[in-house]
Structure formats: C-alpha cells, structure tokens
PDB file of N, CA and C in Angstrom:
ATOM      1  N   MET A   1       0.855  -1.247   0.001  1.00  0.00           N
ATOM      2  CA  MET A   1      -0.365   0.304  -0.089  1.00  0.00           C
ATOM      3  C   MET A   1       1.108   1.482   0.074  1.00  0.00           C
ATOM      4  N   LEU A   2       1.634   1.512   1.101  1.00  0.00           N
ATOM      5  CA  LEU A   2       2.795   2.527   1.117  1.00  0.00           C
ATOM      6  C   LEU A   2       3.097   2.612  -0.471  1.00  0.00           C
ATOM      7  N   GLU A   3       4.035   2.067  -1.036  1.00  0.00           N
ATOM      8  CA  GLU A   3       4.119   1.424  -2.679  1.00  0.00           C
ATOM      9  C   GLU A   3       3.231   2.725  -3.490  1.00  0.00           C
ATOM     10  N   GLN A   4       2.067   2.444  -3.670  1.00  0.00           N
ATOM     11  CA  GLN A   4       1.373   2.824  -4.220  1.00  0.00           C
ATOM     12  C   GLN A   4       0.654   4.147  -3.789  1.00  0.00           C
ATOM     13  N   ILE A   5       0.439   4.586  -2.772  1.00  0.00           N
ATOM     14  CA  ILE A   5       0.417   6.009  -2.121  1.00  0.00           C
ATOM     15  C   ILE A   5       1.781   6.924  -2.532  1.00  0.00           C
ATOM     16  N   ILE A   6       2.771   6.495  -2.617  1.00  0.00           N
ATOM     17  CA  ILE A   6       4.111   6.970  -2.414  1.00  0.00           C
ATOM     18  C   ILE A   6       3.840   7.457  -4.178  1.00  0.00           C
ATOM     19  N   GLU A   7       3.825   6.282  -5.197  1.00  0.00           N
ATOM     20  CA  GLU A   7       3.994   6.214  -6.211  1.00  0.00           C
ATOM     21  C   GLU A   7       2.888   7.107  -6.703  1.00  0.00           C
ATOM     22  N   GLN A   8       1.613   7.517  -6.418  1.00  0.00           N
ATOM     23  CA  GLN A   8       0.276   8.355  -6.689  1.00  0.00           C
ATOM     24  C   GLN A   8       0.313   9.819  -6.314  1.00  0.00           C
ATOM     25  N   TYR A   9       1.040   9.681  -5.323  1.00  0.00           N
ATOM     26  CA  TYR A   9       0.699  11.281  -4.385  1.00  0.00           C
ATOM     27  C   TYR A   9       2.592  11.056  -4.271  1.00  0.00           C
ATOM     28  N   TYR A  10       3.756  11.624  -5.603  1.00  0.00           N
ATOM     29  CA  TYR A  10       4.493  11.540  -5.209  1.00  0.00           C
ATOM     30  C   TYR A  10       5.449  13.109  -5.675  1.00  0.00           C
ATOM     31  N   GLU A  11       4.495  14.111  -5.711  1.00  0.00           N
ATOM     32  CA  GLU A  11       4.428  15.146  -4.675  1.00  0.00           C
ATOM     33  C   GLU A  11       5.204  15.362  -3.542  1.00  0.00           C
ATOM     34  N   GLU A  12       4.278  14.466  -2.846  1.00  0.00           N
ATOM     35  CA  GLU A  12       3.960  15.207  -1.326  1.00  0.00           C
ATOM     36  C   GLU A  12       5.263  14.700  -0.567  1.00  0.00           C
ATOM     37  N   GLU A  13       5.242  14.780   0.567  1.00  0.00           N
ATOM     38  CA  GLU A  13       5.692  14.401   1.720  1.00  0.00           C
ATOM     39  C   GLU A  13       5.265  13.780   2.259  1.00  0.00           C
ATOM     40  N   PHE A  14       5.104  12.223   2.791  1.00  0.00           N
ATOM     41  CA  PHE A  14       4.519  11.753   4.421  1.00  0.00           C
ATOM     42  C   PHE A  14       5.633  11.463   5.357  1.00  0.00           C
ATOM     43  N   LEU A  15       4.543  11.134   6.507  1.00  0.00           N
ATOM     44  CA  LEU A  15       5.552  10.775   7.535  1.00  0.00           C
ATOM     45  C   LEU A  15       5.018   9.662   7.659  1.00  0.00           C
ATOM     46  N   ILE A  16       5.721   8.829   7.994  1.00  0.00           N
ATOM     47  CA  ILE A  16       5.623   7.199   8.150  1.00  0.00           C
ATOM     48  C   ILE A  16       5.472   6.886   9.216  1.00  0.00           C
ATOM     49  N   ALA A  17       4.602   6.053  10.095  1.00  0.00           N
ATOM     50  CA  ALA A  17       5.355   5.222  11.223  1.00  0.00           C
ATOM     51  C   ALA A  17       6.164   3.996  10.992  1.00  0.00           C
ATOM     52  N   ASP A  18       6.780   3.466  11.541  1.00  0.00           N
ATOM     53  CA  ASP A  18       8.618   2.856  11.047  1.00  0.00           C
ATOM     54  C   ASP A  18       7.543   1.847  11.995  1.00  0.00           C
ATOM     55  N   GLY A  19       7.965   0.592  10.375  1.00  0.00           N
ATOM     56  CA  GLY A  19       7.296  -0.476  11.450  1.00  0.00           C
ATOM     57  C   GLY A  19       6.088  -0.973  10.971  1.00  0.00           C
ATOM     58  N   PHE A  20       5.193  -0.019  10.869  1.00  0.00           N
ATOM     59  CA  PHE A  20       3.812  -0.352  10.514  1.00  0.00           C
ATOM     60  C   PHE A  20       3.122  -0.391   9.264  1.00  0.00           C
ATOM     61  N   ASP A  21       4.032  -0.481   7.859  1.00  0.00           N
ATOM     62  CA  ASP A  21       3.885  -0.193   6.796  1.00  0.00           C
ATOM     63  C   ASP A  21       2.678  -1.336   6.505  1.00  0.00           C
ATOM     64  N   ASP A  22       2.157  -2.264   7.377  1.00  0.00           N
ATOM     65  CA  ASP A  22       1.636  -3.128   6.827  1.00  0.00           C
ATOM     66  C   ASP A  22       0.190  -2.997   7.613  1.00  0.00           C
ATOM     67  N   ALA A  23      -0.656  -2.191   7.944  1.00  0.00           N
ATOM     68  CA  ALA A  23      -1.035  -1.471   8.436  1.00  0.00           C
ATOM     69  C   ALA A  23      -1.778   0.274   8.064  1.00  0.00           C
ATOM     70  N   ILE A  24      -1.161   0.101   7.387  1.00  0.00           N
ATOM     71  CA  ILE A  24      -2.045   1.462   6.494  1.00  0.00           C
ATOM     72  C   ILE A  24      -2.567   1.252   6.054  1.00  0.00           C
ATOM     73  N   LEU A  25      -3.752   2.363   5.604  1.00  0.00           N
ATOM     74  CA  LEU A  25      -5.419   1.919   5.183  1.00  0.00           C
ATOM     75  C   LEU A  25      -5.133   2.833   4.453  1.00  0.00           C
ATOM     76  N   GLY A  26      -5.026   4.229   4.011  1.00  0.00           N
ATOM     77  CA  GLY A  26      -4.599   4.873   2.939  1.00  0.00           C
ATOM     78  C   GLY A  26      -4.369   6.379   2.714  1.00  0.00           C
ATOM     79  N   VAL A  27      -4.815   7.050   2.398  1.00  0.00           N
ATOM     80  CA  VAL A  27      -4.164   8.869   2.557  1.00  0.00           C
ATOM     81  C   VAL A  27      -5.324   9.375   3.336  1.00  0.00           C
ATOM     82  N   GLU A  28      -5.251  10.619   3.625  1.00  0.00           N
ATOM     83  CA  GLU A  28      -6.679  11.520   3.715  1.00  0.00           C
ATOM     84  C   GLU A  28      -5.800  12.517   2.287  1.00  0.00           C
ATOM     85  N   GLU A  29      -7.029  13.333   1.658  1.00  0.00           N
ATOM     86  CA  GLU A  29      -6.150  13.772   0.301  1.00  0.00           C
ATOM     87  C   GLU A  29      -5.682  15.535   1.666  1.00  0.00           C
ATOM     88  N   ASN A  30      -7.479  15.885   2.529  1.00  0.00           N
ATOM     89  CA  ASN A  30      -7.297  17.474   2.585  1.00  0.00           C
ATOM     90  C   ASN A  30      -5.896  17.702   3.600  1.00  0.00           C
ATOM     91  N   SER A  31      -5.795  16.790   4.072  1.00  0.00           N
ATOM     92  CA  SER A  31      -4.262  17.191   4.793  1.00  0.00           C
ATOM     93  C   SER A  31      -3.204  15.901   4.366  1.00  0.00           C
ATOM     94  N   MET A  32      -3.057  15.700   3.648  1.00  0.00           N
ATOM     95  CA  MET A  32      -2.311  14.713   2.591  1.00  0.00           C
ATOM     96  C   MET A  32      -1.363  13.744   4.458  1.00  0.00           C
ATOM     97  N   ARG A  33      -2.129  13.272   4.834  1.00  0.00           N
ATOM     98  CA  ARG A  33      -1.269  12.568   6.118  1.00  0.00           C
ATOM     99  C   ARG A  33      -1.842  10.688   5.631  1.00  0.00           C
ATOM    100  N   ILE A  34      -1.208   9.987   6.170  1.00  0.00           N
ATOM    101  CA  ILE A  34      -0.731   8.670   5.610  1.00  0.00           C
ATOM    102  C   ILE A  34      -2.513   8.307   6.499  1.00  0.00           C
ATOM    103  N   ILE A  35      -3.423   7.013   6.608  1.00  0.00           N
ATOM    104  CA  ILE A  35      -4.070   6.966   7.568  1.00  0.00           C
ATOM    105  C   ILE A  35      -3.538   5.429   8.283  1.00  0.00           C
ATOM    106  N   TYR A  36      -3.447   5.090   9.456  1.00  0.00           N
ATOM    107  CA  TYR A  36      -3.302   3.766   9.885  1.00  0.00           C
ATOM    108  C   TYR A  36      -4.608   2.786  10.769  1.00  0.00           C
ATOM    109  N   SER A  37      -4.916   1.332  10.174  1.00  0.00           N
ATOM    110  CA  SER A  37      -5.050   0.440  10.948  1.00  0.00           C
ATOM    111  C   SER A  37      -4.823   0.286  12.617  1.00  0.00           C
ATOM    112  N   VAL A  38      -5.470   1.247  13.562  1.00  0.00           N
ATOM    113  CA  VAL A  38      -5.430   0.503  15.214  1.00  0.00           C
ATOM    114  C   VAL A  38      -5.054  -0.661  15.123  1.00  0.00           C
ATOM    115  N   SER A  39      -6.251  -1.636  14.884  1.00  0.00           N
ATOM    116  CA  SER A  39      -6.149  -2.937  15.123  1.00  0.00           C
ATOM    117  C   SER A  39      -5.027  -3.644  14.627  1.00  0.00           C
ATOM    118  N   LYS A  40      -4.522  -3.582  12.888  1.00  0.00           N
ATOM    119  CA  LYS A  40      -3.369  -3.532  12.327  1.00  0.00           C
ATOM    120  C   LYS A  40      -1.881  -3.147  13.537  1.00  0.00           C
ATOM    121  N   CYS A  41      -1.957  -1.598  13.618  1.00  0.00           N
ATOM    122  CA  CYS A  41      -0.767  -1.953  14.529  1.00  0.00           C
ATOM    123  C   CYS A  41      -0.589  -2.731  16.246  1.00  0.00           C
ATOM    124  N   LEU A  42      -1.851  -3.237  16.592  1.00  0.00           N
ATOM    125  CA  LEU A  42      -1.618  -3.771  17.624  1.00  0.00           C
ATOM    126  C   LEU A  42      -1.351  -5.598  17.356  1.00  0.00           C
ATOM    127  N   GLU A  43      -1.614  -5.747  16.329  1.00  0.00           N
ATOM    128  CA  GLU A  43      -1.346  -7.273  15.457  1.00  0.00           C
ATOM    129  C   GLU A  43      -0.015  -7.203  15.491  1.00  0.00           C
ATOM    130  N   ILE A  44       0.183  -6.638  14.918  1.00  0.00           N
ATOM    131  CA  ILE A  44       2.553  -6.063  14.951  1.00  0.00           C
ATOM    132  C   ILE A  44       2.774  -6.232  16.326  1.00  0.00           C
ATOM    133  N   LEU A  45       2.651  -5.219  16.673  1.00  0.00           N
ATOM    134  CA  LEU A  45       3.364  -5.184  18.142  1.00  0.00           C
ATOM    135  C   LEU A  45       3.364  -6.382  18.914  1.00  0.00           C
ATOM    136  N   GLN A  46       2.189  -7.258  18.735  1.00  0.00           N
ATOM    137  CA  GLN A  46       1.537  -8.717  18.980  1.00  0.00           C
ATOM    138  C   GLN A  46       3.253  -9.589  18.481  1.00  0.00           C
ATOM    139  N   LYS A  47       2.753  -9.312  17.669  1.00  0.00           N
ATOM    140  CA  LYS A  47       4.063 -10.265  16.063  1.00  0.00           C
ATOM    141  C   LYS A  47       5.223 -10.449  17.556  1.00  0.00           C
ATOM    142  N   GLU A  48       5.395  -8.989  17.967  1.00  0.00           N
ATOM    143  CA  GLU A  48       6.834  -8.983  17.958  1.00  0.00           C
ATOM    144  C   GLU A  48       6.848  -8.901  20.020  1.00  0.00           C
ATOM    145  N   ASP A  49       6.055 -10.394  20.269  1.00  0.00           N
ATOM    146  CA  ASP A  49       6.214 -10.956  21.391  1.00  0.00           C
ATOM    147  C   ASP A  49       5.780 -10.391  22.858  1.00  0.00           C
ATOM    148  N   MET A  50       4.625  -9.186  22.325  1.00  0.00           N
ATOM    149  CA  MET A  50       3.904  -8.206  23.405  1.00  0.00           C
ATOM    150  C   MET A  50       2.929  -9.291  23.615  1.00  0.00           C
ATOM    151  N   SER A  51       2.324  -8.875  25.374  1.00  0.00           N
ATOM    152  CA  SER A  51       0.435  -9.601  25.317  1.00  0.00           C
ATOM    153  C   SER A  51      -0.332  -8.091  24.361  1.00  0.00           C
ATOM    154  N   TYR A  52      -1.140  -8.327  24.874  1.00  0.00           N
ATOM    155  CA  TYR A  52      -2.111  -7.311  23.889  1.00  0.00           C
ATOM    156  C   TYR A  52      -2.052  -6.093  24.984  1.00  0.00           C
ATOM    157  N   GLU A  53      -2.265  -6.362  26.330  1.00  0.00           N
ATOM    158  CA  GLU A  53      -2.126  -5.064  26.691  1.00  0.00           C
ATOM    159  C   GLU A  53      -0.698  -4.641  26.791  1.00  0.00           C
ATOM    160  N   ASP A  54       0.222  -4.578  26.618  1.00  0.00           N
ATOM    161  CA  ASP A  54       1.440  -3.979  26.552  1.00  0.00           C
ATOM    162  C   ASP A  54       1.486  -3.656  25.386  1.00  0.00           C
ATOM    163  N   ALA A  55       1.263  -4.533  24.525  1.00  0.00           N
ATOM    164  CA  ALA A  55       1.344  -3.798  22.680  1.00  0.00           C
ATOM    165  C   ALA A  55       0.284  -2.197  23.018  1.00  0.00           C
ATOM    166  N   MET A  56      -1.549  -2.589  23.601  1.00  0.00           N
ATOM    167  CA  MET A  56      -1.999  -1.285  23.473  1.00  0.00           C
ATOM    168  C   MET A  56      -1.136  -0.392  24.659  1.00  0.00           C
ATOM    169  N   GLU A  57      -0.572  -0.688  25.628  1.00  0.00           N
ATOM    170  CA  GLU A  57       0.172   0.111  26.502  1.00  0.00           C
ATOM    171  C   GLU A  57       1.351   1.157  26.010  1.00  0.00           C
ATOM    172  N   HIS A  58       1.519   0.302  24.768  1.00  0.00           N
ATOM    173  CA  HIS A  58       3.051   0.763  24.009  1.00  0.00           C
ATOM    174  C   HIS A  58       1.922   1.393  22.771  1.00  0.00           C
ATOM    175  N   PHE A  59       1.323   1.421  22.197  1.00  0.00           N
ATOM    176  CA  PHE A  59       1.194   2.142  20.917  1.00  0.00           C
ATOM    177  C   PHE A  59       0.430   3.315  21.686  1.00  0.00           C
ATOM    178  N   THR A  60      -0.931   3.128  22.521  1.00  0.00           N
ATOM    179  CA  THR A  60      -1.149   4.538  23.129  1.00  0.00           C
ATOM    180  C   THR A  60      -0.353   5.658  23.080  1.00  0.00           C
ATOM    181  N   TYR A  61       0.434   5.396  24.198  1.00  0.00           N
ATOM    182  CA  TYR A  61       1.929   6.232  25.160  1.00  0.00           C
ATOM    183  C   TYR A  61       2.727   6.392  24.001  1.00  0.00           C
ATOM    184  N   ASN A  62       3.191   5.110  23.145  1.00  0.00           N
ATOM    185  CA  ASN A  62       4.377   5.718  21.652  1.00  0.00           C
ATOM    186  C   ASN A  62       4.333   6.485  20.940  1.00  0.00           C
ATOM    187  N   VAL A  63       3.044   5.925  20.298  1.00  0.00           N
ATOM    188  CA  VAL A  63       2.823   5.236  19.170  1.00  0.00           C
ATOM    189  C   VAL A  63       1.728   6.686  19.047  1.00  0.00           C
ATOM    190  N   SER A  64       0.445   6.625  19.051  1.00  0.00           N
ATOM    191  CA  SER A  64      -0.363   7.345  18.560  1.00  0.00           C
ATOM    192  C   SER A  64      -0.319   8.792  19.684  1.00  0.00           C
ATOM    193  N   GLY A  65       0.533   8.509  20.886  1.00  0.00           N
ATOM    194  CA  GLY A  65       0.246   9.487  21.613  1.00  0.00           C
ATOM    195  C   GLY A  65       1.155  10.466  21.140  1.00  0.00           C
ATOM    196  N   ALA A  66       2.081  10.047  20.311  1.00  0.00           N
ATOM    197  CA  ALA A  66       2.976  11.773  19.666  1.00  0.00           C
ATOM    198  C   ALA A  66       2.537  12.175  18.622  1.00  0.00           C
ATOM    199  N   TYR A  67       2.227  13.546  18.871  1.00  0.00           N
ATOM    200  CA  TYR A  67       2.154  13.905  17.750  1.00  0.00           C
ATOM    201  C   TYR A  67       4.062  14.802  17.317  1.00  0.00           C
ATOM    202  N   VAL A  68       3.481  14.906  15.941  1.00  0.00           N
ATOM    203  CA  VAL A  68       5.252  15.347  15.457  1.00  0.00           C
ATOM    204  C   VAL A  68       5.070  16.417  14.051  1.00  0.00           C
ATOM    205  N   GLY A  69       4.076  17.193  14.265  1.00  0.00           N
ATOM    206  CA  GLY A  69       3.591  18.428  13.266  1.00  0.00           C
ATOM    207  C   GLY A  69       2.156  18.113  12.820  1.00  0.00           C
ATOM    208  N   ASP A  70       2.432  18.820  11.359  1.00  0.00           N
ATOM    209  CA  ASP A  70       1.168  18.952  10.526  1.00  0.00           C
ATOM    210  C   ASP A  70       0.844  17.270   9.666  1.00  0.00           C
ATOM    211  N   LYS A  71       1.538  17.039   9.846  1.00  0.00           N
ATOM    212  CA  LYS A  71       1.649  15.607   9.347  1.00  0.00           C
ATOM    213  C   LYS A  71       1.645  14.233  10.081  1.00  0.00           C
ATOM    214  N   THR A  72       1.394  14.524  11.678  1.00  0.00           N
ATOM    215  CA  THR A  72       1.002  13.542  12.398  1.00  0.00           C
ATOM    216  C   THR A  72      -0.031  11.943  11.282  1.00  0.00           C
ATOM    217  N   PRO A  73       0.462  10.960  11.408  1.00  0.00           N
ATOM    218  CA  PRO A  73      -0.530  10.128  11.144  1.00  0.00           C
ATOM    219  C   PRO A  73      -2.228  10.060  11.506  1.00  0.00           C
ATOM    220  N   ILE A  74      -2.745   9.091  10.425  1.00  0.00           N
ATOM    221  CA  ILE A  74      -3.929   9.105  11.339  1.00  0.00           C
ATOM    222  C   ILE A  74      -4.557   7.852  11.774  1.00  0.00           C
ATOM    223  N   TRP A  75      -4.869   7.460  13.071  1.00  0.00           N
ATOM    224  CA  TRP A  75      -5.179   6.485  13.930  1.00  0.00           C
ATOM    225  C   TRP A  75      -6.573   6.082  13.535  1.00  0.00           C
ATOM    226  N   CYS A  76      -6.640   4.947  12.964  1.00  0.00           N
ATOM    227  CA  CYS A  76      -8.336   4.766  12.578  1.00  0.00           C
ATOM    228  C   CYS A  76      -8.471   3.836  13.658  1.00  0.00           C
ATOM    229  N   TRP A  77      -9.078   3.872  14.596  1.00  0.00           N
ATOM    230  CA  TRP A  77      -9.709   2.823  15.434  1.00  0.00           C
ATOM    231  C   TRP A  77     -10.784   1.693  15.533  1.00  0.00           C
ATOM    232  N   ASP A  78     -10.280   1.388  14.880  1.00  0.00           N
ATOM    233  CA  ASP A  78     -11.003   0.460  14.360  1.00  0.00           C
ATOM    234  C   ASP A  78     -11.087  -1.078  15.174  1.00  0.00           C
ATOM    235  N   ASN A  79     -10.994  -1.222  15.908  1.00  0.00           N
ATOM    236  CA  ASN A  79     -11.157  -2.420  16.117  1.00  0.00           C
ATOM    237  C   ASN A  79     -12.794  -2.444  17.902  1.00  0.00           C
ATOM    238  N   PHE A  80     -13.064  -1.790  17.309  1.00  0.00           N
ATOM    239  CA  PHE A  80     -14.455  -1.803  18.408  1.00  0.00           C
ATOM    240  C   PHE A  80     -15.447  -2.844  17.487  1.00  0.00           C
TER     241      PHE A  80
END
C-alpha cells in the first residue's frame, strides 16, 4: 500500500510510522496524512512478542500519543 501511495502522490511528503507499513489503510487527501489501522498496528506489536495489554500501552503512549507536526498520521480506531 505504501508504495502505491508514494507512487500516486509522488510530489507529497508523508510521515511514516516505522514498522507499521502493513497497517496502512490509505491517505486523507485534504491534509495528505497517512491513515493507519490501530487493530493492525496492535497485531504487528503482538507479533513482536507483546501481550495485547503491553501492545496497547506501547501503542497509545509511544505511537499514537506522539504529535510530530502537521503530517502526524491519522490513527483509525477500527478495533470495536
């Protein structure tokens, strides 16, 4: 998905969350920010030998809780 986004929007700069390429859902075209699936991010963290609780804590504190400017990714809470 990331390669397709970069190819389609070759003039844009995106902020990419390291290690979560497989969790990309798409792009929000008004702000040109990458949209990530939270449930997929948590699955990726659990594959790294984290429990669900540890993955959630790590994700909310270290990943989604970080504001890194106007291109901060959008985190889609799709795990309901």
